[in-house]
């Protein structure tokens, strides 16, 4: 018997291949796994409703009125509650998240912002399956855009590491900050929350159309 769509998706995520052209570890078939799953959830009434309910459950009332309004990104006006909500939404659908962290020369965090999970990719692994770069692009299927993806250092709170990163970037004004990557599960990229019922989710979406 041939492999099912779910089995193919699983294998592509479990063993990501290095895309030399883009300098990333591809996430799923055609490097589109996160987007395919997010589109599937948004197209399914059941999956979308479940995702919204679970996100609401995770966030609850946040951290309390005084903490919720703390601004964590002045440029975008992002509050701590909004940051938590964005993290929860990413965790619910993708079981992982990326946070862009800006720091100063002293290593103190000056701003935080959640990067859409569909936009993040891991850089090349070394022999110990470790990577120290995260690449970000808002459309990995657009080759021209993908080749111009922004490259960030992986999050590290050690002051000497931050100082070295800033030095390598050519100074603090050229430094792009770091990206904190978190995922659930044992694979390099997490399996989506709807992975096991992917076909059912797609079927519901198509049923609504027809």
Protein backbone atom coordinates (compact mmCIF):
# COMPACT_ATOMS: atom_id res chain seq x y z
CA UNK A 1 0.00 0.00 0.00
CA UNK A 2 1.14 3.54 -0.72
CA UNK A 3 1.77 6.10 1.98
CA UNK A 4 -1.11 8.31 3.06
CA UNK A 5 -0.95 12.09 2.87
CA UNK A 6 -0.52 12.26 6.65
CA UNK A 7 2.38 9.77 6.56
CA UNK A 8 4.10 11.78 3.83
CA UNK A 9 3.64 14.99 5.80
CA UNK A 10 5.00 13.34 8.95
CA UNK A 11 8.16 12.09 7.22
CA UNK A 12 8.83 15.49 5.65
CA UNK A 13 8.61 17.22 9.05
CA UNK A 14 10.49 14.52 11.03
CA UNK A 15 13.49 14.62 8.70
CA UNK A 16 13.78 18.17 7.31
CA UNK A 17 16.09 18.57 4.34
CA UNK A 18 18.56 21.40 3.91
CA UNK A 19 17.60 23.77 1.10
CA UNK A 20 20.98 24.99 -0.09
CA UNK A 21 19.42 27.59 -2.35
CA UNK A 22 17.65 29.31 0.55
CA UNK A 23 19.99 28.33 3.38
CA UNK A 24 17.24 26.77 5.51
CA UNK A 25 15.98 23.46 6.80
CA UNK A 26 12.76 23.07 4.80
CA UNK A 27 9.61 22.63 6.86
CA UNK A 28 7.52 19.89 5.27
CA UNK A 29 6.68 19.14 1.68
CA UNK A 30 7.62 22.07 -0.60
CA UNK A 31 8.65 23.93 2.58
CA UNK A 32 4.97 24.83 3.04
CA UNK A 33 3.86 22.71 6.02
CA UNK A 34 3.00 25.59 8.41
CA UNK A 35 1.04 27.53 5.78
CA UNK A 36 -0.85 24.46 4.57
CA UNK A 37 -1.96 23.64 8.12
CA UNK A 38 -2.88 27.21 8.98
CA UNK A 39 -4.95 27.50 5.81
CA UNK A 40 -6.64 24.18 6.63
CA UNK A 41 -7.61 25.40 10.10
CA UNK A 42 -8.90 28.73 8.81
CA UNK A 43 -10.98 26.92 6.18
CA UNK A 44 -12.63 24.52 8.62
CA UNK A 45 -15.45 25.79 10.85
CA UNK A 46 -14.81 23.07 13.43
CA UNK A 47 -11.02 23.48 13.54
CA UNK A 48 -11.22 27.27 13.60
CA UNK A 49 -13.77 27.24 16.44
CA UNK A 50 -11.64 24.79 18.43
CA UNK A 51 -8.52 26.88 17.88
CA UNK A 52 -10.22 30.06 19.09
CA UNK A 53 -11.65 28.30 22.14
CA UNK A 54 -8.30 26.75 23.07
CA UNK A 55 -6.49 30.09 22.61
CA UNK A 56 -9.00 31.79 24.89
CA UNK A 57 -8.55 29.04 27.47
CA UNK A 58 -4.74 29.38 27.44
CA UNK A 59 -4.71 33.18 27.69
CA UNK A 60 -7.59 33.48 30.15
CA UNK A 61 -7.39 36.90 31.80
CA UNK A 62 -3.72 37.19 31.07
CA UNK A 63 -1.37 38.39 33.81
CA UNK A 64 -3.76 40.77 35.56
CA UNK A 65 -4.91 44.27 34.65
CA UNK A 66 -1.71 46.11 35.57
CA UNK A 67 0.65 43.67 33.84
CA UNK A 68 -1.53 43.14 30.76
CA UNK A 69 -1.05 46.75 29.67
CA UNK A 70 2.75 46.75 29.87
CA UNK A 71 4.13 47.74 26.46
CA UNK A 72 6.67 45.22 25.16
CA UNK A 73 7.06 46.81 21.73
CA UNK A 74 6.73 50.60 21.65
CA UNK A 75 6.98 50.82 17.86
CA UNK A 76 3.96 48.56 17.35
CA UNK A 77 2.21 49.37 20.62
CA UNK A 78 2.22 45.68 21.55
CA UNK A 79 1.05 44.96 25.09
CA UNK A 80 2.07 41.97 27.19
CA UNK A 81 -1.47 40.60 26.80
CA UNK A 82 -1.27 40.89 23.00
CA UNK A 83 2.11 39.12 23.04
CA UNK A 84 0.64 36.29 25.13
CA UNK A 85 -2.35 36.00 22.80
CA UNK A 86 -0.13 35.80 19.71
CA UNK A 87 2.00 33.12 21.38
CA UNK A 88 -1.10 31.14 22.34
CA UNK A 89 -2.53 31.31 18.80
CA UNK A 90 0.75 29.99 17.40
CA UNK A 91 0.99 27.22 20.00
CA UNK A 92 -2.61 26.13 19.37
CA UNK A 93 -2.24 25.68 15.60
CA UNK A 94 1.47 24.98 15.11
CA UNK A 95 2.59 23.79 18.57
CA UNK A 96 5.47 26.23 18.47
CA UNK A 97 6.34 29.92 18.20
CA UNK A 98 9.06 32.42 17.30
CA UNK A 99 9.68 35.63 19.27
CA UNK A 100 11.86 38.43 17.90
CA UNK A 101 13.83 39.93 20.77
CA UNK A 102 15.75 43.22 20.58
CA UNK A 103 18.46 43.79 23.16
CA UNK A 104 20.86 46.61 24.05
CA UNK A 105 24.61 46.44 24.64
CA UNK A 106 24.04 45.46 28.26
CA UNK A 107 21.93 42.48 27.22
CA UNK A 108 18.65 43.93 28.49
CA UNK A 109 15.56 43.21 26.39
CA UNK A 110 14.21 46.41 24.79
CA UNK A 111 11.34 44.95 22.75
CA UNK A 112 9.58 41.69 21.87
CA UNK A 113 7.31 40.66 19.04
CA UNK A 114 5.85 37.33 17.88
CA UNK A 115 6.86 36.29 14.36
CA UNK A 116 4.13 34.38 12.47
CA UNK A 117 5.04 30.71 12.62
CA UNK A 118 4.56 30.46 8.86
CA UNK A 119 7.42 32.95 8.40
CA UNK A 120 10.17 31.27 10.45
CA UNK A 121 12.67 28.63 9.34
CA UNK A 122 15.73 27.07 10.96
CA UNK A 123 19.16 27.65 9.50
CA UNK A 124 21.50 24.82 8.56
CA UNK A 125 22.18 22.22 11.25
CA UNK A 126 25.72 21.40 12.30
CA UNK A 127 26.92 17.84 12.93
CA UNK A 128 25.19 17.84 16.33
CA UNK A 129 21.82 18.90 14.86
CA UNK A 130 22.22 22.42 16.26
CA UNK A 131 21.66 25.65 14.37
CA UNK A 132 22.46 29.21 15.46
CA UNK A 133 20.39 31.11 12.90
CA UNK A 134 16.69 31.67 12.27
CA UNK A 135 15.57 32.97 8.87
CA UNK A 136 12.34 34.93 8.42
CA UNK A 137 10.33 35.58 5.25
CA UNK A 138 6.63 36.39 4.85
CA UNK A 139 6.30 34.22 1.72
CA UNK A 140 8.65 31.26 1.37
CA UNK A 141 6.93 30.17 -1.85
CA UNK A 142 8.04 33.40 -3.55
CA UNK A 143 11.62 32.54 -4.51
CA UNK A 144 12.70 36.17 -4.93
CA UNK A 145 11.43 37.06 -1.47
CA UNK A 146 12.78 33.87 0.08
CA UNK A 147 16.30 34.59 -1.15
CA UNK A 148 16.14 37.94 0.67
CA UNK A 149 14.95 36.43 3.96
CA UNK A 150 16.13 38.18 7.12
CA UNK A 151 18.66 36.22 9.18
CA UNK A 152 18.68 36.42 12.98
CA UNK A 153 20.85 34.96 15.71
CA UNK A 154 19.20 32.35 17.91
CA UNK A 155 18.21 33.72 21.33
CA UNK A 156 20.95 33.65 23.95
CA UNK A 157 20.85 35.72 27.14
CA UNK A 158 24.59 35.54 27.88
CA UNK A 159 26.11 39.03 27.70
CA UNK A 160 29.36 37.90 26.08
CA UNK A 161 27.42 36.08 23.35
CA UNK A 162 25.27 39.15 22.67
CA UNK A 163 28.35 41.38 22.52
CA UNK A 164 29.94 39.00 20.00
CA UNK A 165 26.76 38.96 17.90
CA UNK A 166 26.66 42.77 17.88
CA UNK A 167 30.34 42.90 16.93
CA UNK A 168 29.77 40.43 14.06
CA UNK A 169 26.82 42.53 12.86
CA UNK A 170 29.03 45.61 12.59
CA UNK A 171 27.71 47.46 15.63
CA UNK A 172 24.52 47.88 17.59
CA UNK A 173 22.88 50.00 14.85
CA UNK A 174 23.24 47.10 12.39
CA UNK A 175 22.24 44.42 14.88
CA UNK A 176 18.87 42.80 14.12
CA UNK A 177 18.37 41.19 17.51
CA UNK A 178 17.66 37.54 18.29
CA UNK A 179 14.86 35.08 17.73
CA UNK A 180 13.63 32.74 20.45
CA UNK A 181 12.30 29.50 18.96
CA UNK A 182 10.10 27.16 20.99
CA UNK A 183 8.39 23.96 19.87
CA UNK A 184 6.58 21.00 21.38
CA UNK A 185 7.62 17.45 20.52
CA UNK A 186 10.89 15.78 19.61
CA UNK A 187 11.19 16.82 15.97
CA UNK A 188 13.11 19.83 14.68
CA UNK A 189 9.80 21.33 13.58
CA UNK A 190 6.60 20.54 15.53
CA UNK A 191 3.70 18.62 14.06
CA UNK A 192 0.60 20.79 13.75
CA UNK A 193 -2.27 20.37 16.18
CA UNK A 194 -4.47 19.11 13.30
CA UNK A 195 -1.80 16.83 11.84
CA UNK A 196 -3.59 13.56 12.65
CA UNK A 197 -6.93 14.83 11.31
CA UNK A 198 -5.58 16.86 8.40
CA UNK A 199 -7.67 15.05 5.79
CA UNK A 200 -10.84 15.55 7.84
CA UNK A 201 -10.12 19.26 8.17
CA UNK A 202 -9.63 19.62 4.42
CA UNK A 203 -12.76 17.57 3.76
CA UNK A 204 -14.86 19.91 5.90
CA UNK A 205 -13.44 22.92 4.12
CA UNK A 206 -14.25 21.43 0.70
CA UNK A 207 -17.72 20.34 1.85
CA UNK A 208 -18.52 23.97 2.73
CA UNK A 209 -17.57 25.01 -0.81
CA UNK A 210 -19.55 22.34 -2.61
